[in-house]
Amino acid sequence: MVSRGGRPDLAGAYLEQVRAPTLLLVGSEDTEVLALNRQALERLHGPRQLAIVGGATHLFEEPGTLEEVARAASAWFVRYLSPRELEATA
């Protein structure tokens, strides 16, 4: 799962049931959402990572920030959705 500037804290108690590999992408200038994602990261189980996009605000409108998000998400999907990983979970 990849979340860009999301609010995983809104999942409440269900957040602790997530076992899927989870990447949380948040802009460094989105301080409120960044704090919420840091807290949520501690409640997730399984592979998880918080990636902070430097200079980005909540909507990632700054030049180059959406491209950085796309690269990070692509790398995450390749890592966790590769044929080798899919065979291991079958």
PDB file of N, CA and C in Angstrom:
ATOM      1  N   MET A   1       0.846  -1.158   0.000  1.00  0.00           N
ATOM      2  CA  MET A   1       0.000   0.000   0.000  1.00  0.00           C
ATOM      3  C   MET A   1       0.897   1.229   0.000  1.00  0.00           C
ATOM      4  N   VAL A   2       0.492   2.227  -0.745  1.00  0.00           N
ATOM      5  CA  VAL A   2       1.203   3.502  -0.766  1.00  0.00           C
ATOM      6  C   VAL A   2       0.195   4.600  -0.464  1.00  0.00           C
ATOM      7  N   SER A   3       0.543   5.454   0.481  1.00  0.00           N
ATOM      8  CA  SER A   3      -0.305   6.580   0.854  1.00  0.00           C
ATOM      9  C   SER A   3       0.478   7.867   0.636  1.00  0.00           C
ATOM     10  N   ARG A   4      -0.084   8.783  -0.170  1.00  0.00           N
ATOM     11  CA  ARG A   4       0.574  10.063  -0.432  1.00  0.00           C
ATOM     12  C   ARG A   4      -0.179  11.164   0.301  1.00  0.00           C
ATOM     13  N   GLY A   5       0.448  11.680   1.349  1.00  0.00           N
ATOM     14  CA  GLY A   5      -0.165  12.756   2.109  1.00  0.00           C
ATOM     15  C   GLY A   5      -1.478  12.367   2.751  1.00  0.00           C
ATOM     16  N   GLY A   6      -1.615  11.081   3.032  1.00  0.00           N
ATOM     17  CA  GLY A   6      -2.870  10.564   3.572  1.00  0.00           C
ATOM     18  C   GLY A   6      -2.990  10.720   5.078  1.00  0.00           C
ATOM     19  N   ARG A   7      -4.091  10.255   5.588  1.00  0.00           N
ATOM     20  CA  ARG A   7      -4.396  10.320   7.011  1.00  0.00           C
ATOM     21  C   ARG A   7      -4.652   8.906   7.538  1.00  0.00           C
ATOM     22  N   PRO A   8      -3.607   8.086   7.664  1.00  0.00           N
ATOM     23  CA  PRO A   8      -3.809   6.720   8.148  1.00  0.00           C
ATOM     24  C   PRO A   8      -4.354   6.677   9.570  1.00  0.00           C
ATOM     25  N   ASP A   9      -4.181   7.752  10.306  1.00  0.00           N
ATOM     26  CA  ASP A   9      -4.707   7.800  11.668  1.00  0.00           C
ATOM     27  C   ASP A   9      -6.232   7.659  11.694  1.00  0.00           C
ATOM     28  N   LEU A  10      -6.896   8.032  10.600  1.00  0.00           N
ATOM     29  CA  LEU A  10      -8.355   7.935  10.542  1.00  0.00           C
ATOM     30  C   LEU A  10      -8.848   6.491  10.495  1.00  0.00           C
ATOM     31  N   ALA A  11      -7.946   5.551  10.284  1.00  0.00           N
ATOM     32  CA  ALA A  11      -8.324   4.131  10.285  1.00  0.00           C
ATOM     33  C   ALA A  11      -8.574   3.624  11.698  1.00  0.00           C
ATOM     34  N   GLY A  12      -8.189   4.402  12.686  1.00  0.00           N
ATOM     35  CA  GLY A  12      -8.433   4.022  14.078  1.00  0.00           C
ATOM     36  C   GLY A  12      -7.767   2.707  14.441  1.00  0.00           C
ATOM     37  N   ALA A  13      -8.505   1.866  15.148  1.00  0.00           N
ATOM     38  CA  ALA A  13      -7.970   0.584  15.621  1.00  0.00           C
ATOM     39  C   ALA A  13      -7.640  -0.364  14.477  1.00  0.00           C
ATOM     40  N   TYR A  14      -8.251  -0.168  13.317  1.00  0.00           N
ATOM     41  CA  TYR A  14      -7.974  -1.040  12.170  1.00  0.00           C
ATOM     42  C   TYR A  14      -6.539  -0.902  11.679  1.00  0.00           C
ATOM     43  N   LEU A  15      -5.922   0.216  11.962  1.00  0.00           N
ATOM     44  CA  LEU A  15      -4.552   0.450  11.508  1.00  0.00           C
ATOM     45  C   LEU A  15      -3.606  -0.636  12.015  1.00  0.00           C
ATOM     46  N   GLU A  16      -3.828  -1.094  13.224  1.00  0.00           N
ATOM     47  CA  GLU A  16      -2.960  -2.111  13.815  1.00  0.00           C
ATOM     48  C   GLU A  16      -3.139  -3.487  13.182  1.00  0.00           C
ATOM     49  N   GLN A  17      -4.170  -3.654  12.377  1.00  0.00           N
ATOM     50  CA  GLN A  17      -4.400  -4.925  11.695  1.00  0.00           C
ATOM     51  C   GLN A  17      -3.734  -4.981  10.323  1.00  0.00           C
ATOM     52  N   VAL A  18      -3.204  -3.866   9.866  1.00  0.00           N
ATOM     53  CA  VAL A  18      -2.576  -3.818   8.541  1.00  0.00           C
ATOM     54  C   VAL A  18      -1.266  -4.588   8.577  1.00  0.00           C
ATOM     55  N   ARG A  19      -1.134  -5.554   7.685  1.00  0.00           N
ATOM     56  CA  ARG A  19       0.090  -6.356   7.570  1.00  0.00           C
ATOM     57  C   ARG A  19       0.749  -6.163   6.207  1.00  0.00           C
ATOM     58  N   ALA A  20       0.056  -5.526   5.295  1.00  0.00           N
ATOM     59  CA  ALA A  20       0.589  -5.303   3.946  1.00  0.00           C
ATOM     60  C   ALA A  20       1.753  -4.321   4.002  1.00  0.00           C
ATOM     61  N   PRO A  21       2.747  -4.508   3.148  1.00  0.00           N
ATOM     62  CA  PRO A  21       3.840  -3.533   3.070  1.00  0.00           C
ATOM     63  C   PRO A  21       3.261  -2.146   2.799  1.00  0.00           C
ATOM     64  N   THR A  22       3.641  -1.185   3.622  1.00  0.00           N
ATOM     65  CA  THR A  22       3.031   0.144   3.569  1.00  0.00           C
ATOM     66  C   THR A  22       4.087   1.232   3.488  1.00  0.00           C
ATOM     67  N   LEU A  23       3.945   2.085   2.486  1.00  0.00           N
ATOM     68  CA  LEU A  23       4.808   3.254   2.313  1.00  0.00           C
ATOM     69  C   LEU A  23       3.963   4.496   2.535  1.00  0.00           C
ATOM     70  N   LEU A  24       4.378   5.319   3.486  1.00  0.00           N
ATOM     71  CA  LEU A  24       3.706   6.582   3.768  1.00  0.00           C
ATOM     72  C   LEU A  24       4.563   7.704   3.205  1.00  0.00           C
ATOM     73  N   LEU A  25       4.031   8.458   2.266  1.00  0.00           N
ATOM     74  CA  LEU A  25       4.744   9.570   1.635  1.00  0.00           C
ATOM     75  C   LEU A  25       4.118  10.878   2.106  1.00  0.00           C
ATOM     76  N   VAL A  26       4.942  11.746   2.699  1.00  0.00           N
ATOM     77  CA  VAL A  26       4.436  12.994   3.259  1.00  0.00           C
ATOM     78  C   VAL A  26       5.411  14.113   2.939  1.00  0.00           C
ATOM     79  N   GLY A  27       4.883  15.295   2.650  1.00  0.00           N
ATOM     80  CA  GLY A  27       5.719  16.461   2.403  1.00  0.00           C
ATOM     81  C   GLY A  27       6.319  16.994   3.694  1.00  0.00           C
ATOM     82  N   SER A  28       7.557  17.441   3.616  1.00  0.00           N
ATOM     83  CA  SER A  28       8.240  17.956   4.808  1.00  0.00           C
ATOM     84  C   SER A  28       7.576  19.210   5.362  1.00  0.00           C
ATOM     85  N   GLU A  29       6.878  19.951   4.514  1.00  0.00           N
ATOM     86  CA  GLU A  29       6.219  21.184   4.948  1.00  0.00           C
ATOM     87  C   GLU A  29       4.782  20.956   5.415  1.00  0.00           C
ATOM     88  N   ASP A  30       4.325  19.732   5.348  1.00  0.00           N
ATOM     89  CA  ASP A  30       2.976  19.374   5.796  1.00  0.00           C
ATOM     90  C   ASP A  30       3.087  18.855   7.228  1.00  0.00           C
ATOM     91  N   THR A  31       3.433  19.743   8.142  1.00  0.00           N
ATOM     92  CA  THR A  31       3.850  19.342   9.484  1.00  0.00           C
ATOM     93  C   THR A  31       2.776  18.593  10.266  1.00  0.00           C
ATOM     94  N   GLU A  32       1.526  19.004  10.150  1.00  0.00           N
ATOM     95  CA  GLU A  32       0.464  18.326  10.901  1.00  0.00           C
ATOM     96  C   GLU A  32       0.273  16.893  10.412  1.00  0.00           C
ATOM     97  N   VAL A  33       0.191  16.718   9.104  1.00  0.00           N
ATOM     98  CA  VAL A  33       0.007  15.376   8.543  1.00  0.00           C
ATOM     99  C   VAL A  33       1.267  14.534   8.754  1.00  0.00           C
ATOM    100  N   LEU A  34       2.428  15.156   8.717  1.00  0.00           N
ATOM    101  CA  LEU A  34       3.677  14.434   8.974  1.00  0.00           C
ATOM    102  C   LEU A  34       3.675  13.856  10.386  1.00  0.00           C
ATOM    103  N   ALA A  35       3.260  14.643  11.365  1.00  0.00           N
ATOM    104  CA  ALA A  35       3.199  14.153  12.747  1.00  0.00           C
ATOM    105  C   ALA A  35       2.215  12.990  12.868  1.00  0.00           C
ATOM    106  N   LEU A  36       1.073  13.090  12.205  1.00  0.00           N
ATOM    107  CA  LEU A  36       0.078  12.013  12.249  1.00  0.00           C
ATOM    108  C   LEU A  36       0.607  10.740  11.595  1.00  0.00           C
ATOM    109  N   ASN A  37       1.354  10.881  10.507  1.00  0.00           N
ATOM    110  CA  ASN A  37       1.923   9.711   9.828  1.00  0.00           C
ATOM    111  C   ASN A  37       3.027   9.078  10.660  1.00  0.00           C
ATOM    112  N   ARG A  38       3.798   9.885  11.363  1.00  0.00           N
ATOM    113  CA  ARG A  38       4.830   9.320  12.251  1.00  0.00           C
ATOM    114  C   ARG A  38       4.180   8.464  13.333  1.00  0.00           C
ATOM    115  N   GLN A  39       3.090   8.947  13.897  1.00  0.00           N
ATOM    116  CA  GLN A  39       2.374   8.172  14.914  1.00  0.00           C
ATOM    117  C   GLN A  39       1.783   6.898  14.312  1.00  0.00           C
ATOM    118  N   ALA A  40       1.207   7.011  13.141  1.00  0.00           N
ATOM    119  CA  ALA A  40       0.596   5.852  12.482  1.00  0.00           C
ATOM    120  C   ALA A  40       1.641   4.798  12.149  1.00  0.00           C
ATOM    121  N   LEU A  41       2.828   5.224  11.751  1.00  0.00           N
ATOM    122  CA  LEU A  41       3.901   4.295  11.394  1.00  0.00           C
ATOM    123  C   LEU A  41       4.189   3.327  12.538  1.00  0.00           C
ATOM    124  N   GLU A  42       4.133   3.825  13.754  1.00  0.00           N
ATOM    125  CA  GLU A  42       4.406   2.990  14.927  1.00  0.00           C
ATOM    126  C   GLU A  42       3.313   1.950  15.163  1.00  0.00           C
ATOM    127  N   ARG A  43       2.139   2.174  14.626  1.00  0.00           N
ATOM    128  CA  ARG A  43       1.016   1.257  14.839  1.00  0.00           C
ATOM    129  C   ARG A  43       0.880   0.209  13.746  1.00  0.00           C
ATOM    130  N   LEU A  44       1.584   0.402  12.648  1.00  0.00           N
ATOM    131  CA  LEU A  44       1.528  -0.549  11.539  1.00  0.00           C
ATOM    132  C   LEU A  44       2.389  -1.767  11.836  1.00  0.00           C
ATOM    133  N   HIS A  45       2.036  -2.887  11.247  1.00  0.00           N
ATOM    134  CA  HIS A  45       2.824  -4.114  11.374  1.00  0.00           C
ATOM    135  C   HIS A  45       3.277  -4.524   9.981  1.00  0.00           C
ATOM    136  N   GLY A  46       4.328  -5.295   9.922  1.00  0.00           N
ATOM    137  CA  GLY A  46       4.861  -5.694   8.622  1.00  0.00           C
ATOM    138  C   GLY A  46       5.794  -4.630   8.084  1.00  0.00           C
ATOM    139  N   PRO A  47       6.267  -4.829   6.870  1.00  0.00           N
ATOM    140  CA  PRO A  47       7.181  -3.855   6.261  1.00  0.00           C
ATOM    141  C   PRO A  47       6.504  -2.488   6.166  1.00  0.00           C
ATOM    142  N   ARG A  48       7.196  -1.469   6.620  1.00  0.00           N
ATOM    143  CA  ARG A  48       6.626  -0.127   6.599  1.00  0.00           C
ATOM    144  C   ARG A  48       7.743   0.899   6.522  1.00  0.00           C
ATOM    145  N   GLN A  49       7.421   2.022   5.923  1.00  0.00           N
ATOM    146  CA  GLN A  49       8.412   3.088   5.785  1.00  0.00           C
ATOM    147  C   GLN A  49       7.692   4.423   5.667  1.00  0.00           C
ATOM    148  N   LEU A  50       8.275   5.436   6.280  1.00  0.00           N
ATOM    149  CA  LEU A  50       7.811   6.805   6.118  1.00  0.00           C
ATOM    150  C   LEU A  50       8.842   7.521   5.266  1.00  0.00           C
ATOM    151  N   ALA A  51       8.429   8.023   4.113  1.00  0.00           N
ATOM    152  CA  ALA A  51       9.320   8.769   3.223  1.00  0.00           C
ATOM    153  C   ALA A  51       8.866  10.225   3.223  1.00  0.00           C
ATOM    154  N   ILE A  52       9.786  11.109   3.559  1.00  0.00           N
ATOM    155  CA  ILE A  52       9.482  12.534   3.633  1.00  0.00           C
ATOM    156  C   ILE A  52      10.028  13.208   2.382  1.00  0.00           C
ATOM    157  N   VAL A  53       9.145  13.881   1.662  1.00  0.00           N
ATOM    158  CA  VAL A  53       9.516  14.561   0.422  1.00  0.00           C
ATOM    159  C   VAL A  53       9.878  16.002   0.770  1.00  0.00           C
ATOM    160  N   GLY A  54      11.157  16.311   0.649  1.00  0.00           N
ATOM    161  CA  GLY A  54      11.666  17.624   1.025  1.00  0.00           C
ATOM    162  C   GLY A  54      11.022  18.763   0.255  1.00  0.00           C
ATOM    163  N   GLY A  55      10.602  19.789   0.988  1.00  0.00           N
ATOM    164  CA  GLY A  55      10.040  20.980   0.378  1.00  0.00           C
ATOM    165  C   GLY A  55       8.602  20.869  -0.073  1.00  0.00           C
ATOM    166  N   ALA A  56       7.996  19.706   0.091  1.00  0.00           N
ATOM    167  CA  ALA A  56       6.622  19.502  -0.388  1.00  0.00           C
ATOM    168  C   ALA A  56       5.606  19.890   0.677  1.00  0.00           C
ATOM    169  N   THR A  57       4.521  20.509   0.221  1.00  0.00           N
ATOM    170  CA  THR A  57       3.382  20.790   1.085  1.00  0.00           C
ATOM    171  C   THR A  57       2.353  19.676   0.897  1.00  0.00           C
ATOM    172  N   HIS A  58       1.167  19.860   1.453  1.00  0.00           N
ATOM    173  CA  HIS A  58       0.175  18.785   1.460  1.00  0.00           C
ATOM    174  C   HIS A  58      -0.224  18.304   0.064  1.00  0.00           C
ATOM    175  N   LEU A  59      -0.360  19.193  -0.877  1.00  0.00           N
ATOM    176  CA  LEU A  59      -0.813  18.797  -2.214  1.00  0.00           C
ATOM    177  C   LEU A  59       0.325  18.469  -3.176  1.00  0.00           C
ATOM    178  N   PHE A  60       1.564  18.562  -2.719  1.00  0.00           N
ATOM    179  CA  PHE A  60       2.736  18.247  -3.547  1.00  0.00           C
ATOM    180  C   PHE A  60       2.716  19.064  -4.846  1.00  0.00           C
ATOM    181  N   GLU A  61       2.420  20.342  -4.719  1.00  0.00           N
ATOM    182  CA  GLU A  61       2.339  21.219  -5.891  1.00  0.00           C
ATOM    183  C   GLU A  61       3.693  21.779  -6.314  1.00  0.00           C
ATOM    184  N   GLU A  62       4.692  21.638  -5.479  1.00  0.00           N
ATOM    185  CA  GLU A  62       6.008  22.192  -5.764  1.00  0.00           C
ATOM    186  C   GLU A  62       6.678  21.415  -6.896  1.00  0.00           C
ATOM    187  N   PRO A  63       7.438  22.109  -7.736  1.00  0.00           N
ATOM    188  CA  PRO A  63       8.087  21.449  -8.883  1.00  0.00           C
ATOM    189  C   PRO A  63       8.922  20.236  -8.454  1.00  0.00           C
ATOM    190  N   GLY A  64       8.684  19.132  -9.132  1.00  0.00           N
ATOM    191  CA  GLY A  64       9.471  17.922  -8.923  1.00  0.00           C
ATOM    192  C   GLY A  64       8.993  17.022  -7.801  1.00  0.00           C
ATOM    193  N   THR A  65       8.081  17.502  -6.957  1.00  0.00           N
ATOM    194  CA  THR A  65       7.698  16.676  -5.811  1.00  0.00           C
ATOM    195  C   THR A  65       6.822  15.489  -6.203  1.00  0.00           C
ATOM    196  N   LEU A  66       5.907  15.678  -7.138  1.00  0.00           N
ATOM    197  CA  LEU A  66       5.089  14.538  -7.574  1.00  0.00           C
ATOM    198  C   LEU A  66       5.930  13.502  -8.307  1.00  0.00           C
ATOM    199  N   GLU A  67       6.939  13.962  -9.030  1.00  0.00           N
ATOM    200  CA  GLU A  67       7.851  13.017  -9.690  1.00  0.00           C
ATOM    201  C   GLU A  67       8.609  12.199  -8.652  1.00  0.00           C
ATOM    202  N   GLU A  68       9.013  12.842  -7.558  1.00  0.00           N
ATOM    203  CA  GLU A  68       9.699  12.113  -6.489  1.00  0.00           C
ATOM    204  C   GLU A  68       8.766  11.084  -5.851  1.00  0.00           C
ATOM    205  N   VAL A  69       7.514  11.465  -5.653  1.00  0.00           N
ATOM    206  CA  VAL A  69       6.515  10.539  -5.115  1.00  0.00           C
ATOM    207  C   VAL A  69       6.338   9.351  -6.058  1.00  0.00           C
ATOM    208  N   ALA A  70       6.236   9.626  -7.350  1.00  0.00           N
ATOM    209  CA  ALA A  70       6.049   8.554  -8.336  1.00  0.00           C
ATOM    210  C   ALA A  70       7.229   7.589  -8.337  1.00  0.00           C
ATOM    211  N   ARG A  71       8.444   8.129  -8.244  1.00  0.00           N
ATOM    212  CA  ARG A  71       9.634   7.253  -8.203  1.00  0.00           C
ATOM    213  C   ARG A  71       9.619   6.370  -6.957  1.00  0.00           C
ATOM    214  N   ALA A  72       9.318   6.964  -5.808  1.00  0.00           N
ATOM    215  CA  ALA A  72       9.302   6.202  -4.556  1.00  0.00           C
ATOM    216  C   ALA A  72       8.216   5.130  -4.583  1.00  0.00           C
ATOM    217  N   ALA A  73       7.035   5.484  -5.070  1.00  0.00           N
ATOM    218  CA  ALA A  73       5.938   4.514  -5.142  1.00  0.00           C
ATOM    219  C   ALA A  73       6.274   3.389  -6.112  1.00  0.00           C
ATOM    220  N   SER A  74       6.842   3.735  -7.255  1.00  0.00           N
ATOM    221  CA  SER A  74       7.219   2.712  -8.240  1.00  0.00           C
ATOM    222  C   SER A  74       8.226   1.737  -7.656  1.00  0.00           C
ATOM    223  N   ALA A  75       9.230   2.260  -6.981  1.00  0.00           N
ATOM    224  CA  ALA A  75      10.248   1.397  -6.369  1.00  0.00           C
ATOM    225  C   ALA A  75       9.621   0.493  -5.308  1.00  0.00           C
ATOM    226  N   TRP A  76       8.689   1.029  -4.541  1.00  0.00           N
ATOM    227  CA  TRP A  76       8.000   0.244  -3.505  1.00  0.00           C
ATOM    228  C   TRP A  76       7.202  -0.894  -4.138  1.00  0.00           C
ATOM    229  N   PHE A  77       6.459  -0.581  -5.192  1.00  0.00           N
ATOM    230  CA  PHE A  77       5.666  -1.611  -5.858  1.00  0.00           C
ATOM    231  C   PHE A  77       6.551  -2.674  -6.500  1.00  0.00           C
ATOM    232  N   VAL A  78       7.636  -2.268  -7.112  1.00  0.00           N
ATOM    233  CA  VAL A  78       8.556  -3.240  -7.707  1.00  0.00           C
ATOM    234  C   VAL A  78       9.111  -4.156  -6.622  1.00  0.00           C
ATOM    235  N   ARG A  79       9.453  -3.568  -5.496  1.00  0.00           N
ATOM    236  CA  ARG A  79      10.026  -4.359  -4.402  1.00  0.00           C
ATOM    237  C   ARG A  79       9.019  -5.356  -3.837  1.00  0.00           C
ATOM    238  N   TYR A  80       7.791  -4.908  -3.616  1.00  0.00           N
ATOM    239  CA  TYR A  80       6.831  -5.756  -2.917  1.00  0.00           C
ATOM    240  C   TYR A  80       5.817  -6.451  -3.814  1.00  0.00           C
ATOM    241  N   LEU A  81       5.782  -6.117  -5.085  1.00  0.00           N
ATOM    242  CA  LEU A  81       4.866  -6.791  -6.001  1.00  0.00           C
ATOM    243  C   LEU A  81       5.604  -7.533  -7.107  1.00  0.00           C
ATOM    244  N   SER A  82       6.876  -7.778  -6.898  1.00  0.00           N
ATOM    245  CA  SER A  82       7.643  -8.518  -7.892  1.00  0.00           C
ATOM    246  C   SER A  82       7.160  -9.968  -7.915  1.00  0.00           C
ATOM    247  N   PRO A  83       7.367 -10.678  -9.027  1.00  0.00           N
ATOM    248  CA  PRO A  83       6.932 -12.081  -9.108  1.00  0.00           C
ATOM    249  C   PRO A  83       7.485 -12.936  -7.969  1.00  0.00           C
ATOM    250  N   ARG A  84       8.713 -12.665  -7.562  1.00  0.00           N
ATOM    251  CA  ARG A  84       9.323 -13.437  -6.479  1.00  0.00           C
ATOM    252  C   ARG A  84       8.526 -13.256  -5.182  1.00  0.00           C
ATOM    253  N   GLU A  85       8.157 -12.022  -4.868  1.00  0.00           N
ATOM    254  CA  GLU A  85       7.394 -11.751  -3.654  1.00  0.00           C
ATOM    255  C   GLU A  85       5.990 -12.345  -3.738  1.00  0.00           C
ATOM    256  N   LEU A  86       5.370 -12.279  -4.896  1.00  0.00           N
ATOM    257  CA  LEU A  86       4.028 -12.833  -5.053  1.00  0.00           C
ATOM    258  C   LEU A  86       4.028 -14.343  -4.880  1.00  0.00           C
ATOM    259  N   GLU A  87       5.055 -15.022  -5.384  1.00  0.00           N
ATOM    260  CA  GLU A  87       5.154 -16.474  -5.231  1.00  0.00           C
ATOM    261  C   GLU A  87       5.319 -16.847  -3.764  1.00  0.00           C
ATOM    262  N   ALA A  88       6.040 -16.037  -3.006  1.00  0.00           N
ATOM    263  CA  ALA A  88       6.283 -16.330  -1.597  1.00  0.00           C
ATOM    264  C   ALA A  88       5.007 -16.232  -0.768  1.00  0.00           C
ATOM    265  N   THR A  89       4.057 -15.415  -1.211  1.00  0.00           N
ATOM    266  CA  THR A  89       2.819 -15.255  -0.447  1.00  0.00           C
ATOM    267  C   THR A  89       1.706 -16.179  -0.923  1.00  0.00           C
ATOM    268  N   ALA A  90       1.925 -16.909  -2.008  1.00  0.00           N
ATOM    269  CA  ALA A  90       0.873 -17.786  -2.551  1.00  0.00           C
ATOM    270  C   ALA A  90       0.757 -19.073  -1.761  1.00  0.00           C
TER     271      ALA A  90
END
